[in-house]
């Protein structure tokens, strides 16, 4: 499964796609893993439900981490976080 792909290094060469808003990559294929579970958007029956929940999570992340923007490291952390 996913852990096996991490431990074997297969995940390093797996094809990926970027999840919008969060700007992170997820594999599109891994040996022995159903590709339908790799992209969190594909686990929802209604894509708009995922979008709503993802936006809420991104907003809460940004709101929580704004308190760390008093220095350059904190600003970099927030800049690397979700983009709405």
Protein backbone atom coordinates (compact mmCIF):
# COMPACT_ATOMS: atom_id res chain seq x y z
CA UNK A 1 0.00 0.00 0.00
CA UNK A 2 0.97 3.61 0.55
CA UNK A 3 3.39 2.81 3.39
CA UNK A 4 5.06 0.16 1.23
CA UNK A 5 5.50 2.73 -1.56
CA UNK A 6 7.10 5.14 0.91
CA UNK A 7 9.43 2.51 2.36
CA UNK A 8 10.44 1.11 -1.03
CA UNK A 9 10.99 4.56 -2.53
CA UNK A 10 8.39 3.93 -5.26
CA UNK A 11 6.59 7.09 -4.18
CA UNK A 12 9.59 9.19 -5.29
CA UNK A 13 9.06 8.28 -8.94
CA UNK A 14 5.27 8.06 -8.94
CA UNK A 15 3.38 10.44 -11.22
CA UNK A 16 1.69 13.24 -9.30
CA UNK A 17 -0.82 16.04 -9.57
CA UNK A 18 -1.16 19.21 -7.51
CA UNK A 19 -4.09 19.74 -5.17
CA UNK A 20 -5.24 23.34 -5.66
CA UNK A 21 -5.53 25.68 -2.71
CA UNK A 22 -3.11 23.60 -0.62
CA UNK A 23 -0.43 23.43 -3.33
CA UNK A 24 0.77 19.95 -2.49
CA UNK A 25 1.29 17.02 -4.78
CA UNK A 26 -0.34 13.63 -4.45
CA UNK A 27 0.59 10.53 -6.40
CA UNK A 28 -1.81 9.51 -9.13
CA UNK A 29 -0.59 5.89 -9.16
CA UNK A 30 1.12 3.68 -6.61
CA UNK A 31 1.74 -0.07 -6.87
CA UNK A 32 -0.95 -2.00 -5.02
CA UNK A 33 -3.05 1.07 -4.19
CA UNK A 34 -6.47 1.92 -5.62
CA UNK A 35 -5.89 5.23 -7.40
CA UNK A 36 -9.37 6.34 -6.31
CA UNK A 37 -8.12 7.02 -2.78
CA UNK A 38 -4.98 8.98 -3.62
CA UNK A 39 -6.65 12.29 -4.45
CA UNK A 40 -8.86 13.39 -1.55
CA UNK A 41 -11.29 15.01 -4.00
CA UNK A 42 -12.05 11.60 -5.45
CA UNK A 43 -13.21 10.25 -2.09
CA UNK A 44 -16.28 12.51 -2.04
CA UNK A 45 -19.46 11.65 -3.93
CA UNK A 46 -19.99 15.38 -4.50
CA UNK A 47 -16.91 17.40 -5.52
CA UNK A 48 -18.49 20.63 -4.27
CA UNK A 49 -18.64 19.15 -0.76
CA UNK A 50 -14.88 18.58 -0.86
CA UNK A 51 -14.34 22.11 -2.14
CA UNK A 52 -16.43 23.59 0.70
CA UNK A 53 -14.62 21.59 3.37
CA UNK A 54 -11.20 22.30 1.86
CA UNK A 55 -11.89 26.04 1.76
CA UNK A 56 -13.01 25.96 5.40
CA UNK A 57 -9.86 24.07 6.42
CA UNK A 58 -7.64 26.49 4.47
CA UNK A 59 -9.31 29.49 6.07
CA UNK A 60 -8.87 28.01 9.55
CA UNK A 61 -5.21 27.21 8.85
CA UNK A 62 -4.53 30.75 7.66
CA UNK A 63 -6.40 32.29 10.58
CA UNK A 64 -4.47 30.14 13.07
CA UNK A 65 -1.03 30.87 11.64
CA UNK A 66 -1.44 34.63 11.13
CA UNK A 67 -0.23 35.03 14.73
CA UNK A 68 3.22 33.86 13.60
CA UNK A 69 3.74 36.52 10.94
CA UNK A 70 5.77 38.74 13.26
CA UNK A 71 9.02 37.38 11.85
CA UNK A 72 10.37 36.18 8.52
CA UNK A 73 10.09 32.47 9.39
CA UNK A 74 6.44 32.92 10.31
CA UNK A 75 5.74 34.87 7.14
CA UNK A 76 7.35 32.08 5.12
CA UNK A 77 5.21 29.50 6.92
CA UNK A 78 2.01 31.36 6.11
CA UNK A 79 3.14 31.96 2.51
CA UNK A 80 3.70 28.21 2.10
CA UNK A 81 0.24 27.44 3.46
CA UNK A 82 -3.09 27.36 1.66
CA UNK A 83 -3.75 30.01 -0.96
CA UNK A 84 -7.35 31.15 -1.31
